[in-house]
Amino acid sequence: QEQVVQSGGGLVHTGGSLRLSCAASGFRVNSYHMSWHRQAPGKEHELILSISSGGFRTDYIDSVKDRFTISRDDAKNTVYLQMNNLKPEDTAVYYCYSGLGYWGQGTQVTVSS
C-alpha cells in the first residue's frame, strides 16, 4: 500500500529547531517529486519546499529561506524538513506530499514566543 507517514513536530520556543520526517511505503521517494506544505489557522495553505526525483531543491516562501531545509535519505526512503530558528509565525500544521498524490497525516508545529 502506497502511503506517507509523518513524524516529528511539537512545541518549541522561538529560535528553536525541529525536524519533521516523512516516511514512504509502497514507492521510492527518490522516484517522485516530494514536498512540504503548511497551513496555519485562518491562513491559506502554503507550499514551502520541494525536492525533485533528481534531488533538485526548490523553496517557495521567502520567510523560510535560510531557515528551513528539505532533504532525503534514499536508504530510509524518507524525506525530511529541518526547521531552524523557528518563529511564532511558523506555527501551523505541516504536511508532506508525494508526487503520487498522497498526503501525510499532518503534524502540528507550535512555536511559542
Protein backbone atom coordinates (compact mmCIF):
# COMPACT_ATOMS: atom_id res chain seq x y z
CA GLN A 1 0.00 0.00 0.00
CA GLU A 2 1.35 3.37 -1.01
CA GLN A 3 1.41 5.95 1.75
CA VAL A 4 3.49 8.51 3.59
CA VAL A 5 3.61 8.74 7.36
CA GLN A 6 4.88 11.81 9.16
CA SER A 7 6.64 12.09 12.48
CA GLY A 8 8.26 14.85 14.47
CA GLY A 9 6.83 18.22 15.31
CA GLY A 10 5.60 19.51 18.62
CA LEU A 11 6.12 22.58 20.78
CA VAL A 12 9.31 24.63 20.66
CA HIS A 13 10.38 28.08 21.82
CA THR A 14 11.28 30.87 19.43
CA GLY A 15 14.69 30.24 17.96
CA GLY A 16 14.47 26.50 18.43
CA SER A 17 14.71 23.74 15.87
CA LEU A 18 12.60 20.80 14.82
CA ARG A 19 12.89 18.09 12.20
CA LEU A 20 9.89 16.56 10.52
CA SER A 21 10.09 13.18 8.82
CA CYS A 22 8.01 11.77 6.01
CA ALA A 23 8.49 8.04 5.59
CA ALA A 24 7.15 6.48 2.43
CA SER A 25 5.99 2.94 1.82
CA GLY A 26 4.96 1.29 -1.40
CA PHE A 27 7.05 3.62 -3.54
CA ARG A 28 10.50 5.18 -3.60
CA VAL A 29 10.79 8.82 -2.56
CA ASN A 30 13.65 9.28 -5.00
CA SER A 31 11.35 8.41 -7.89
CA TYR A 32 8.90 11.23 -7.31
CA HIS A 33 8.67 14.92 -6.56
CA MET A 34 8.19 15.35 -2.81
CA SER A 35 7.18 18.49 -0.99
CA TRP A 36 6.34 20.04 2.34
CA HIS A 37 3.33 22.26 2.90
CA ARG A 38 1.78 24.02 5.86
CA GLN A 39 -1.46 25.60 6.90
CA ALA A 40 -1.96 27.92 9.83
CA PRO A 41 -5.40 28.64 11.31
CA GLY A 42 -7.21 31.21 9.25
CA LYS A 43 -4.48 31.31 6.62
CA GLU A 44 -4.08 29.83 3.19
CA HIS A 45 -2.31 26.58 2.52
CA GLU A 46 1.34 27.20 1.63
CA LEU A 47 3.81 25.18 -0.39
CA ILE A 48 7.12 25.52 1.42
CA LEU A 49 9.83 23.39 -0.16
CA SER A 50 10.16 20.59 -2.64
CA ILE A 51 12.74 18.12 -3.84
CA SER A 52 12.66 16.55 -7.26
CA SER A 53 13.44 12.93 -8.05
CA GLY A 54 16.84 14.16 -9.20
CA GLY A 55 17.48 15.89 -5.89
CA PHE A 56 16.87 19.44 -7.07
CA ARG A 57 15.52 21.58 -4.24
CA THR A 58 13.14 24.48 -4.60
CA ASP A 59 11.90 26.88 -1.95
CA TYR A 60 8.68 28.80 -2.41
CA ILE A 61 8.37 31.09 0.61
CA ASP A 62 10.83 33.88 1.32
CA SER A 63 10.12 33.78 5.05
CA VAL A 64 11.67 30.33 5.46
CA LYS A 65 14.69 30.76 3.23
CA ASP A 66 17.94 30.07 5.07
CA ARG A 67 15.94 28.57 7.97
CA PHE A 68 14.16 25.53 6.50
CA THR A 69 15.81 22.75 4.51
CA ILE A 70 14.38 19.77 2.69
CA SER A 71 16.45 16.63 2.40
CA ARG A 72 16.06 12.99 1.50
CA ASP A 73 17.54 9.72 2.76
CA ASP A 74 17.11 7.20 0.00
CA ALA A 75 18.22 4.31 2.17
CA LYS A 76 15.49 5.10 4.70
CA ASN A 77 13.04 6.12 1.96
CA THR A 78 12.30 9.22 3.96
CA VAL A 79 12.12 12.95 3.28
CA TYR A 80 12.90 15.46 5.99
CA LEU A 81 12.10 19.06 6.77
CA GLN A 82 14.71 20.64 9.02
CA MET A 83 13.43 23.83 10.60
CA ASN A 84 15.84 26.13 12.39
CA ASN A 85 15.43 29.48 14.09
CA LEU A 86 11.71 28.89 14.38
CA LYS A 87 9.37 31.84 14.81
CA PRO A 88 5.83 32.09 16.19
CA GLU A 89 4.57 32.74 12.65
CA ASP A 90 5.82 29.26 11.68
CA THR A 91 3.10 27.77 13.86
CA ALA A 92 0.98 25.58 11.60
CA VAL A 93 0.07 22.06 10.65
CA TYR A 94 2.75 20.73 8.33
CA TYR A 95 2.06 18.20 5.59
CA CYS A 96 4.23 16.02 3.44
CA TYR A 97 3.06 15.42 -0.12
CA SER A 98 4.21 12.87 -2.64
CA GLY A 99 4.17 13.23 -6.39
CA LEU A 100 1.94 10.17 -6.45
CA GLY A 101 -0.79 12.22 -4.84
CA TYR A 102 -0.53 11.04 -1.25
CA TRP A 103 -0.61 13.38 1.71
CA GLY A 104 0.85 12.74 5.11
CA GLN A 105 -1.46 12.90 8.08
CA GLY A 106 -0.24 16.33 9.16
CA THR A 107 1.95 17.34 12.08
CA GLN A 108 1.33 20.24 14.43
CA VAL A 109 4.25 22.61 14.95
CA THR A 110 3.77 25.25 17.63
CA VAL A 111 6.36 27.94 18.27
CA SER A 112 5.93 29.86 21.50
CA SER A 113 7.16 33.41 21.89
